[in-house]
């Protein structure tokens, strides 16, 4: 099975105080055990870096841990999808749903690859459901 994870889930891998941190870690463990493929659009690394830098600026994590976390994300060996190939489709989803093009990219990446999107972003989740896409809410995943 192929799973697309979005930035809201990837950030939780590195912020232990975030609700859903345990589910995000369990998702990685389950993927490793099952041989599932984790994938994301190429914007994931920049989005996670941006979010973690914001967390560091607010004193939630040490500033020096941001670069290490981004490198750890790269080391996860995610299958990366070019956003350039999907941006027109993402705009077509963003307009009627009110999502950003960034968030819509995750939905169309999952759809294009016959994958499930796992998210902790409520607007993205609801837009995915409303448009008939295969989305899952991170908090609903088991901690097994």
Protein backbone atom coordinates (compact mmCIF):
# COMPACT_ATOMS: atom_id res chain seq x y z
CA UNK A 1 0.00 0.00 0.00
CA UNK A 2 1.17 3.53 -0.69
CA UNK A 3 0.58 6.24 1.89
CA UNK A 4 1.03 9.96 1.35
CA UNK A 5 1.82 11.88 4.49
CA UNK A 6 1.43 15.58 4.65
CA UNK A 7 3.41 18.20 6.53
CA UNK A 8 0.97 18.20 9.45
CA UNK A 9 1.86 14.56 10.12
CA UNK A 10 5.58 14.89 9.38
CA UNK A 11 5.93 17.79 11.82
CA UNK A 12 4.45 15.64 14.57
CA UNK A 13 7.31 13.19 14.13
CA UNK A 14 9.66 15.82 15.55
CA UNK A 15 7.51 17.64 18.09
CA UNK A 16 6.98 15.34 21.07
CA UNK A 17 4.53 17.78 22.69
CA UNK A 18 2.16 17.65 19.71
CA UNK A 19 -1.08 15.71 19.94
CA UNK A 20 -0.67 12.88 17.44
CA UNK A 21 3.08 12.49 17.96
CA UNK A 22 2.67 8.86 19.01
CA UNK A 23 0.43 8.08 16.03
CA UNK A 24 2.94 9.65 13.64
CA UNK A 25 5.72 7.49 15.08
CA UNK A 26 3.48 4.41 14.96
CA UNK A 27 2.77 5.15 11.29
CA UNK A 28 6.50 4.99 10.56
CA UNK A 29 6.84 1.75 12.51
CA UNK A 30 3.86 0.20 10.72
CA UNK A 31 5.24 1.28 7.35
CA UNK A 32 8.60 -0.30 8.12
CA UNK A 33 7.00 -3.54 9.29
CA UNK A 34 4.56 -3.85 6.39
CA UNK A 35 6.74 -2.65 3.55
CA UNK A 36 4.23 0.07 2.65
CA UNK A 37 5.60 2.97 0.65
CA UNK A 38 5.53 6.44 2.19
CA UNK A 39 5.47 9.28 -0.26
CA UNK A 40 4.96 13.03 -0.38
CA UNK A 41 5.21 15.95 -2.76
CA UNK A 42 8.61 17.62 -2.88
CA UNK A 43 7.29 20.59 -0.89
CA UNK A 44 7.14 18.45 2.26
CA UNK A 45 10.72 19.07 3.39
CA UNK A 46 10.43 22.86 3.04
CA UNK A 47 7.06 22.94 4.79
CA UNK A 48 8.35 20.86 7.70
CA UNK A 49 11.49 22.98 7.93
CA UNK A 50 9.34 26.11 8.06
CA UNK A 51 7.07 24.70 10.78
CA UNK A 52 9.98 23.48 12.88
CA UNK A 53 11.77 26.81 12.58
CA UNK A 54 8.60 28.48 13.84
CA UNK A 55 8.52 26.03 16.77
CA UNK A 56 12.15 26.85 17.54
CA UNK A 57 11.49 30.58 17.42
CA UNK A 58 8.69 30.10 19.94
CA UNK A 59 11.03 28.13 22.22
CA UNK A 60 9.33 24.76 21.78
CA UNK A 61 12.47 23.08 20.46
CA UNK A 62 16.14 24.08 20.34
CA UNK A 63 17.03 26.07 17.22
CA UNK A 64 19.97 23.77 16.52
CA UNK A 65 17.63 20.77 16.27
CA UNK A 66 15.77 22.13 13.22
CA UNK A 67 18.42 21.24 10.64
CA UNK A 68 18.94 17.80 12.19
CA UNK A 69 15.19 17.13 12.07
CA UNK A 70 14.95 18.16 8.42
CA UNK A 71 17.88 15.89 7.56
CA UNK A 72 16.21 13.05 9.49
CA UNK A 73 13.09 13.60 7.39
CA UNK A 74 15.14 13.36 4.22
CA UNK A 75 16.73 10.16 5.57
CA UNK A 76 13.29 8.52 5.87
CA UNK A 77 13.67 7.69 2.19
CA UNK A 78 10.21 8.87 1.23
CA UNK A 79 9.15 8.47 -2.36
CA UNK A 80 9.10 12.09 -3.54
CA UNK A 81 6.66 13.31 -6.17
CA UNK A 82 7.37 16.43 -8.21
CA UNK A 83 4.90 19.18 -7.41
CA UNK A 84 5.47 20.63 -10.88
CA UNK A 85 3.71 17.59 -12.34
CA UNK A 86 0.66 18.08 -10.12
CA UNK A 87 0.30 21.81 -9.58
CA UNK A 88 -2.37 22.35 -12.23
CA UNK A 89 -4.47 19.58 -10.70
CA UNK A 90 -3.86 21.04 -7.24
CA UNK A 91 -5.11 24.46 -8.36
CA UNK A 92 -8.22 22.72 -9.69
CA UNK A 93 -8.82 21.24 -6.22
CA UNK A 94 -7.84 24.37 -4.28
CA UNK A 95 -10.33 26.66 -6.00
CA UNK A 96 -13.57 24.86 -5.08
CA UNK A 97 -12.42 23.58 -1.68
CA UNK A 98 -10.76 26.74 -0.38
CA UNK A 99 -7.55 24.85 0.38
CA UNK A 100 -4.13 26.29 -0.33
CA UNK A 101 -2.40 24.94 -3.40
CA UNK A 102 0.15 23.42 -1.00
CA UNK A 103 -2.49 21.39 0.84
CA UNK A 104 -4.24 20.43 -2.39
CA UNK A 105 -0.94 19.05 -3.71
CA UNK A 106 -1.02 16.32 -1.07
CA UNK A 107 -4.56 15.33 -2.05
CA UNK A 108 -3.80 15.13 -5.76
CA UNK A 109 -0.49 13.32 -5.15
CA UNK A 110 -2.36 10.63 -3.26
CA UNK A 111 -5.06 10.41 -5.91
CA UNK A 112 -2.55 10.26 -8.77
CA UNK A 113 -0.75 7.33 -7.14
CA UNK A 114 -3.84 5.47 -5.90
CA UNK A 115 -2.66 6.13 -2.36
CA UNK A 116 -4.24 7.15 0.90
CA UNK A 117 -3.44 10.58 2.35
CA UNK A 118 -2.91 10.68 6.10
CA UNK A 119 -3.30 14.12 7.62
CA UNK A 120 -3.75 15.98 10.88
CA UNK A 121 -5.01 19.09 9.08
CA UNK A 122 -8.77 19.30 9.68
CA UNK A 123 -9.54 21.48 6.62
CA UNK A 124 -7.54 19.21 4.33
CA UNK A 125 -9.19 16.11 5.78
CA UNK A 126 -12.70 17.51 5.38
CA UNK A 127 -11.98 18.72 1.84
CA UNK A 128 -10.65 15.29 0.96
CA UNK A 129 -13.76 13.59 2.28
CA UNK A 130 -16.05 16.11 0.58
CA UNK A 131 -14.39 15.48 -2.78
CA UNK A 132 -14.39 11.70 -2.45
CA UNK A 133 -10.67 11.22 -1.95
CA UNK A 134 -9.01 8.52 0.12
CA UNK A 135 -8.00 10.37 3.30
CA UNK A 136 -7.44 9.28 6.88
CA UNK A 137 -7.27 11.32 10.07
CA UNK A 138 -3.99 10.69 11.91
CA UNK A 139 -5.63 10.51 15.35
CA UNK A 140 -7.85 7.67 14.11
CA UNK A 141 -4.85 5.44 13.39
CA UNK A 142 -4.07 2.72 15.92
CA UNK A 143 -0.97 3.00 18.08
CA UNK A 144 0.02 -0.58 17.32
